[in-house]
Amino acid sequence: MTHNTPLSPRPLHELSGGARPRVLTTSQLRSHGVSTAETNEQCRAGGPWQQLLPGVVLLHPGPPTSEERLHAVLMYAARERGTGVPAQPGAGRPQAPAYPEAMITGLAALTLHGFSSTPPLPSLDAIDVLVPRLRRLRSTGCVRIVRTPVMPEPEQVTGLPVAPVARALADAVAELADAGIVRRLLTEAVRAGHCDPTAVVRELNQARLLSRPHVVDAVEALLAEGRARAEDRLYRMVHEYGLPDPVWNVDLRLPGGPYLGGLDAYWPDQAVALELDTRAPRQDDDALWSEYARKREHLERLGITVVHITPRKLRDSPEQQATVIRTALMASADREPAAYVAVLPR
């Protein structure tokens, strides 16, 4: 049986039995033939059931497990769009529950994604649930409703719909005022390979969080972390794929003339420049891109080929990026000689 399987009426003692406790909505209980009056009677003080959230019933006394809480908040958020029924233990191959237009986000999502710097699920007082902006829901109990104009594609983690890491980070950061915690979360996202810095900053920018000083400080540390990792990948790519050694981290200047800009690597004999494109989507991105474009156009007018590589391409396809650079180096023999420029250590 899956979360979508219709239920046939069963006696109350069978609903409460089984190898594992269960969570059901009141509409699912009615499909079992349990009336609203019977549900209220079972949920009385000291009774065998309890109302965990509005319209969601825990079919055993005592505190819910973390899994039960997660299913309960999703049932609450999805109940107006169709409901899911938790799979019966051992009843065939498990399938993902159907929770339309609802997914776990924030700290709970990060914990599900495997973050070590987030609290364990039982210690969270509130579980964030992402829903479309126009849904008529309110935060209550352990549910904190987070609204968005565009729902991301959820990832299935332990059979639950969970927001992607970058989105979950932004939703978590929105509720955090501790600079140290924010920095730890963002740093772990990069160091553990959960997502790219640019994806994180894009979500923070869309959530309008880059005006908060403690978030800005954490982002600067995040971008520095991401650049250091990208530089290390660049060094390894050059050596592992047999490219000629460039001069690293240099500034170019016309003799007796203006400053042309800094480069991550430069092959002076072939007049090929390489720049790591570590721009992140931020509020001043248009101005930053214009600066990149002006520098590239100026260098190319002087006969210097400029290669831009992103950290993601370095990570995902280093051999392809090495081929791009090798092609640019080989093509230099067919070009007019570049203007003479002074190469200075950065």
Protein backbone atom coordinates (compact mmCIF):
# COMPACT_ATOMS: atom_id res chain seq x y z
CA MET A 1 0.00 0.00 0.00
CA THR A 2 1.29 3.47 -0.85
CA HIS A 3 0.37 6.89 0.48
CA ASN A 4 -2.21 7.16 -2.31
CA THR A 5 -3.92 3.81 -1.79
CA PRO A 6 -7.60 4.13 -0.79
CA LEU A 7 -8.37 2.73 2.62
CA SER A 8 -11.16 0.30 3.34
CA PRO A 9 -13.09 0.68 6.59
CA ARG A 10 -11.42 -1.07 9.53
CA PRO A 11 -12.18 -1.34 13.22
CA LEU A 12 -10.57 1.29 15.44
CA HIS A 13 -8.36 -1.25 17.24
CA GLU A 14 -6.86 -2.28 13.88
CA LEU A 15 -6.07 1.33 12.98
CA SER A 16 -4.19 1.75 16.24
CA GLY A 17 -2.35 -1.58 15.89
CA GLY A 18 0.45 -2.70 13.62
CA ALA A 19 4.18 -2.85 13.85
CA ARG A 20 4.57 0.95 13.75
CA PRO A 21 2.49 3.90 14.99
CA ARG A 22 0.65 5.81 12.31
CA VAL A 23 -0.38 9.33 11.39
CA LEU A 24 -3.59 9.99 9.46
CA THR A 25 -5.67 12.99 8.51
CA THR A 26 -9.26 13.25 9.65
CA SER A 27 -10.41 12.80 6.05
CA GLN A 28 -8.45 9.53 5.86
CA LEU A 29 -10.03 8.41 9.11
CA ARG A 30 -13.46 9.11 7.64
CA SER A 31 -12.53 6.89 4.69
CA HIS A 32 -12.03 4.16 7.32
CA GLY A 33 -15.54 4.79 8.53
CA VAL A 34 -14.39 6.74 11.61
CA SER A 35 -16.73 9.67 12.24
CA THR A 36 -15.65 13.05 13.54
CA ALA A 37 -17.31 12.25 16.88
CA GLU A 38 -15.41 8.96 17.18
CA THR A 39 -12.13 10.71 16.34
CA ASN A 40 -12.79 13.35 19.01
CA GLU A 41 -13.57 10.60 21.52
CA GLN A 42 -10.33 8.75 20.74
CA CYS A 43 -8.37 12.04 21.06
CA ARG A 44 -9.82 12.97 24.47
CA ALA A 45 -7.38 13.66 27.31
CA GLY A 46 -5.76 10.36 28.27
CA GLY A 47 -7.19 8.65 25.18
CA PRO A 48 -5.36 6.33 22.79
CA TRP A 49 -5.01 8.94 20.01
CA GLN A 50 -4.03 12.59 19.92
CA GLN A 51 -4.55 15.49 17.55
CA LEU A 52 -1.03 16.36 16.48
CA LEU A 53 -2.00 19.23 14.15
CA PRO A 54 -5.30 20.59 12.87
CA GLY A 55 -6.81 17.80 10.81
CA VAL A 56 -3.92 15.40 11.57
CA VAL A 57 -4.18 12.64 14.15
CA LEU A 58 -1.46 10.55 15.78
CA LEU A 59 -2.81 7.07 16.39
CA HIS A 60 -0.95 6.39 19.63
CA PRO A 61 -0.33 8.14 22.94
CA GLY A 62 3.03 9.66 23.79
CA PRO A 63 5.34 11.89 21.76
CA PRO A 64 5.61 11.40 18.00
CA THR A 65 8.80 10.15 16.39
CA SER A 66 10.76 12.45 14.06
CA GLU A 67 9.41 10.55 11.07
CA GLU A 68 5.85 10.96 12.32
CA ARG A 69 6.35 14.70 12.83
CA LEU A 70 7.69 15.11 9.30
CA HIS A 71 4.79 13.21 7.77
CA ALA A 72 2.35 15.12 9.97
CA VAL A 73 3.54 18.56 8.88
CA LEU A 74 3.43 17.49 5.23
CA MET A 75 -0.08 16.09 5.69
CA TYR A 76 -1.17 19.36 7.27
CA ALA A 77 0.34 21.43 4.43
CA ALA A 78 -0.99 19.17 1.66
CA ARG A 79 -4.38 18.27 3.07
CA GLU A 80 -6.27 20.79 0.92
CA ARG A 81 -4.60 19.46 -2.25
CA GLY A 82 -5.20 15.76 -1.67
CA THR A 83 -3.77 13.63 1.08
CA GLY A 84 -1.26 10.86 1.36
CA VAL A 85 -1.43 7.79 3.54
CA PRO A 86 1.79 6.45 5.08
CA ALA A 87 2.78 3.09 3.66
CA GLN A 88 2.02 0.02 5.70
CA PRO A 89 5.12 -1.72 7.08
CA GLY A 90 6.17 -4.60 4.88
CA ALA A 91 3.37 -4.05 2.38
CA GLY A 92 5.32 -4.41 -0.86
CA ARG A 93 7.87 -2.08 -2.36
CA PRO A 94 7.76 1.38 -0.72
CA GLN A 95 6.92 4.36 -2.87
CA ALA A 96 7.35 8.08 -2.27
CA PRO A 97 4.35 9.67 -0.54
CA ALA A 98 2.25 12.13 -2.49
CA TYR A 99 2.28 15.51 -0.78
CA PRO A 100 1.17 17.97 -3.48
CA GLU A 101 2.63 21.46 -3.27
CA ALA A 102 4.49 20.90 0.01
CA MET A 103 8.08 20.04 0.90
CA ILE A 104 10.34 20.16 3.96
CA THR A 105 12.75 23.10 3.97
CA GLY A 106 14.94 25.05 6.41
CA LEU A 107 16.98 23.37 9.14
CA ALA A 108 14.97 20.14 9.02
CA ALA A 109 15.70 19.80 5.30
CA LEU A 110 19.42 20.42 5.84
CA THR A 111 19.50 17.73 8.53
CA LEU A 112 17.80 15.33 6.11
CA HIS A 113 20.39 16.25 3.47
CA GLY A 114 23.10 15.11 5.89
CA PHE A 115 24.42 18.37 7.36
CA SER A 116 26.41 17.85 10.56
CA SER A 117 26.10 21.46 11.79
CA THR A 118 22.30 21.43 12.02
CA PRO A 119 20.32 20.28 15.08
CA PRO A 120 18.97 16.72 15.15
CA LEU A 121 15.33 16.48 14.12
CA PRO A 122 13.94 15.73 17.63
CA SER A 123 15.39 18.99 18.98
CA LEU A 124 13.68 21.23 16.40
CA ASP A 125 10.74 23.10 17.87
CA ALA A 126 9.47 23.98 14.39
CA ILE A 127 9.68 22.25 11.01
CA ASP A 128 9.63 24.55 7.98
CA VAL A 129 7.33 23.54 5.12
CA LEU A 130 7.56 25.25 1.75
CA VAL A 131 4.23 25.92 -0.02
CA PRO A 132 3.04 28.11 -2.91
CA ARG A 133 2.49 31.72 -1.97
CA LEU A 134 -1.27 31.67 -2.57
CA ARG A 135 -1.99 28.63 -0.37
CA ARG A 136 -4.31 29.53 2.51
CA LEU A 137 -2.36 28.02 5.39
CA ARG A 138 -1.05 29.33 8.68
CA SER A 139 1.79 28.27 10.92
CA THR A 140 0.64 26.26 13.90
CA GLY A 141 2.09 23.85 16.41
CA CYS A 142 5.38 22.50 15.08
CA VAL A 143 4.64 23.70 11.52
CA ARG A 144 6.17 26.90 10.22
CA ILE A 145 4.79 27.78 6.79
CA VAL A 146 7.26 29.26 4.28
CA ARG A 147 5.76 30.72 1.12
CA THR A 148 7.30 31.06 -2.33
CA PRO A 149 6.02 32.35 -5.70
CA VAL A 150 7.76 29.48 -7.52
CA MET A 151 8.14 26.02 -6.01
CA PRO A 152 11.49 24.32 -6.69
CA GLU A 153 11.67 20.71 -7.78
CA PRO A 154 11.79 18.66 -4.56
CA GLU A 155 14.38 16.00 -3.89
CA GLN A 156 13.29 12.70 -2.36
CA VAL A 157 15.18 12.07 0.90
CA THR A 158 14.15 9.04 2.96
CA GLY A 159 10.94 9.01 0.95
CA LEU A 160 10.05 12.62 1.78
CA PRO A 161 9.88 15.66 -0.54
CA VAL A 162 12.70 17.97 0.56
CA ALA A 163 13.76 21.35 -0.82
CA PRO A 164 17.12 21.48 -2.64
CA VAL A 165 20.05 22.43 -0.42
CA ALA A 166 20.46 26.00 -1.68
CA ARG A 167 16.78 26.80 -1.15
CA ALA A 168 16.71 25.08 2.25
CA LEU A 169 19.77 27.12 3.28
CA ALA A 170 18.10 30.39 2.35
CA ASP A 171 14.96 29.47 4.29
CA ALA A 172 17.06 28.47 7.31
CA VAL A 173 19.18 31.64 7.20
CA ALA A 174 16.04 33.78 7.06
CA GLU A 175 15.24 32.64 10.61
CA LEU A 176 18.78 32.87 12.04
CA ALA A 177 20.39 35.91 13.67
CA ASP A 178 23.57 34.16 14.89
CA ALA A 179 26.44 35.03 12.53
CA GLY A 180 28.49 32.02 13.63
CA ILE A 181 25.71 29.54 12.85
CA VAL A 182 25.03 31.14 9.46
CA ARG A 183 28.71 30.96 8.54
CA ARG A 184 28.98 27.32 9.60
CA LEU A 185 25.97 26.34 7.52
CA LEU A 186 27.18 28.11 4.39
CA THR A 187 30.72 26.80 4.77
CA GLU A 188 29.56 23.21 5.24
CA ALA A 189 27.41 23.50 2.13
CA VAL A 190 30.54 24.21 0.07
CA ARG A 191 33.11 22.06 1.85
CA ALA A 192 30.88 18.98 1.91
CA GLY A 193 30.02 19.42 -1.75
CA HIS A 194 26.28 19.89 -1.19
CA CYS A 195 26.07 22.79 -3.67
CA ASP A 196 28.01 25.56 -5.38
CA PRO A 197 28.54 28.97 -3.73
CA THR A 198 26.81 30.68 -6.66
CA ALA A 199 23.64 28.64 -6.12
CA VAL A 200 23.59 29.59 -2.43
CA VAL A 201 24.16 33.29 -3.08
CA ARG A 202 21.50 33.28 -5.80
CA GLU A 203 18.91 31.96 -3.34
CA LEU A 204 20.02 34.39 -0.62
CA ASN A 205 19.73 37.26 -3.06
CA GLN A 206 16.27 36.19 -4.23
CA ALA A 207 15.21 35.97 -0.59
CA ARG A 208 16.53 39.54 -0.06
CA LEU A 209 18.85 38.43 2.71
CA LEU A 210 22.01 40.11 1.42
CA SER A 211 21.10 43.35 3.20
CA ARG A 212 21.73 41.70 6.57
CA PRO A 213 25.29 42.39 7.76
CA HIS A 214 25.84 38.97 9.36
CA VAL A 215 24.68 37.27 6.15
CA VAL A 216 26.96 39.44 4.00
CA ASP A 217 29.94 38.53 6.19
CA ALA A 218 29.12 34.83 5.88
CA VAL A 219 28.75 35.16 2.10
CA GLU A 220 32.17 36.78 1.79
CA ALA A 221 33.67 33.83 3.66
CA LEU A 222 31.66 31.44 1.46
CA LEU A 223 32.91 33.02 -1.77
CA ALA A 224 36.49 32.96 -0.51
CA GLU A 225 36.07 29.28 0.31
CA GLY A 226 34.62 28.58 -3.12
CA ARG A 227 37.39 30.49 -4.91
CA ALA A 228 40.11 28.64 -3.00
CA ARG A 229 38.60 25.29 -4.00
CA ALA A 230 38.27 26.40 -7.61
CA GLU A 231 41.91 27.54 -7.71
CA ASP A 232 43.04 24.20 -6.35
CA ARG A 233 41.04 22.39 -9.07
CA LEU A 234 42.56 24.68 -11.69
CA TYR A 235 46.13 23.85 -10.56
CA ARG A 236 45.34 20.13 -10.64
CA MET A 237 43.72 20.35 -14.08
CA VAL A 238 46.76 22.06 -15.62
CA HIS A 239 49.14 19.40 -14.31
CA GLU A 240 46.94 16.31 -14.71
CA TYR A 241 46.12 17.06 -18.36
CA GLY A 242 49.64 18.02 -19.36
CA LEU A 243 49.09 21.71 -20.14
CA PRO A 244 52.18 23.95 -20.22
CA ASP A 245 52.76 25.81 -16.98
CA PRO A 246 51.36 29.35 -16.99
CA VAL A 247 52.35 32.21 -14.75
CA TRP A 248 49.86 32.26 -11.89
CA ASN A 249 47.92 35.15 -10.35
CA VAL A 250 49.33 38.06 -12.31
CA ASP A 251 48.39 41.60 -13.29
CA LEU A 252 48.75 42.88 -16.85
CA ARG A 253 49.74 46.45 -17.71
CA LEU A 254 50.69 48.22 -20.90
CA PRO A 255 54.29 49.49 -20.67
CA GLY A 256 54.00 53.01 -19.40
CA GLY A 257 50.26 52.74 -19.83
CA PRO A 258 47.09 51.75 -17.99
CA TYR A 259 46.40 48.72 -15.81
CA LEU A 260 44.65 45.98 -17.78
CA GLY A 261 43.41 43.74 -14.97
CA GLY A 262 44.25 40.68 -12.93
CA LEU A 263 44.29 37.09 -14.20
CA ASP A 264 44.33 33.70 -12.54
CA ALA A 265 46.71 32.27 -15.16
CA TYR A 266 48.54 33.61 -18.21
CA TRP A 267 50.57 31.96 -20.96
CA PRO A 268 52.73 34.86 -22.24
CA ASP A 269 54.24 33.02 -25.22
CA GLN A 270 50.77 32.26 -26.60
CA ALA A 271 49.04 35.39 -25.22
CA VAL A 272 46.29 33.30 -23.62
CA ALA A 273 44.68 34.55 -20.41
CA LEU A 274 42.52 32.52 -18.05
CA GLU A 275 40.05 33.95 -15.59
CA LEU A 276 38.01 32.02 -13.06
CA ASP A 277 34.46 33.33 -13.29
CA THR A 278 33.51 33.28 -9.62
CA ARG A 279 30.87 35.97 -9.92
CA ALA A 280 27.86 35.27 -7.78
CA PRO A 281 24.33 36.59 -8.41
CA ARG A 282 24.25 39.62 -6.16
CA GLN A 283 22.64 43.00 -6.08
CA ASP A 284 25.56 44.61 -7.97
CA ASP A 285 25.90 41.80 -10.50
CA ASP A 286 25.15 43.95 -13.57
CA ALA A 287 27.96 46.36 -12.73
CA LEU A 288 30.35 43.49 -12.03
CA TRP A 289 29.52 41.79 -15.32
CA SER A 290 30.09 45.06 -17.19
CA GLU A 291 33.54 45.27 -15.62
CA TYR A 292 34.31 41.69 -16.71
CA ALA A 293 33.12 42.43 -20.23
CA ARG A 294 35.14 45.64 -20.55
CA LYS A 295 38.33 43.92 -19.41
CA ARG A 296 37.81 41.02 -21.82
CA GLU A 297 37.13 43.33 -24.78
CA HIS A 298 40.21 45.42 -23.99
CA LEU A 299 42.50 42.37 -23.79
CA GLU A 300 41.12 40.86 -26.98
CA ARG A 301 41.69 44.14 -28.85
CA LEU A 302 45.34 43.75 -27.85
CA GLY A 303 45.39 40.25 -29.37
CA ILE A 304 45.11 38.35 -26.07
CA THR A 305 42.74 35.38 -26.01
CA VAL A 306 40.67 35.29 -22.82
CA VAL A 307 39.26 32.00 -21.51
CA HIS A 308 36.60 32.12 -18.80
CA ILE A 309 36.03 28.99 -16.70
CA THR A 310 33.45 28.58 -13.95
CA PRO A 311 34.11 26.58 -10.78
CA ARG A 312 31.26 24.21 -11.68
CA LYS A 313 32.80 23.37 -15.07
CA LEU A 314 36.15 22.78 -13.39
CA ARG A 315 34.49 20.38 -10.99
CA ASP A 316 32.22 18.56 -13.42
CA SER A 317 34.24 18.47 -16.65
CA PRO A 318 37.95 19.20 -16.09
CA GLU A 319 39.04 17.28 -19.21
CA GLN A 320 36.74 19.35 -21.40
CA GLN A 321 38.05 22.60 -19.87
CA ALA A 322 41.63 21.44 -20.43
CA THR A 323 40.75 20.85 -24.11
CA VAL A 324 39.37 24.40 -24.39
CA ILE A 325 42.62 25.84 -23.03
CA ARG A 326 44.81 23.58 -25.18
CA THR A 327 42.86 24.62 -28.28
CA ALA A 328 43.36 28.30 -27.45
CA LEU A 329 47.10 27.73 -26.96
CA MET A 330 47.44 25.90 -30.27
CA ALA A 331 45.42 28.54 -32.15
CA SER A 332 47.88 31.25 -31.10
CA ALA A 333 50.22 30.18 -33.92
CA ASP A 334 47.62 31.30 -36.47
CA ARG A 335 47.01 34.73 -34.95
CA GLU A 336 48.77 38.03 -35.38
CA PRO A 337 51.28 38.63 -32.55
CA ALA A 338 49.68 40.22 -29.54
CA ALA A 339 50.68 43.61 -28.20
CA TYR A 340 53.50 43.58 -25.69
CA VAL A 341 52.24 43.77 -22.11
CA ALA A 342 54.03 43.84 -18.79
CA VAL A 343 53.26 40.84 -16.57
CA LEU A 344 53.47 41.64 -12.87
CA PRO A 345 52.92 39.45 -9.79
CA ARG A 346 49.57 40.17 -8.20
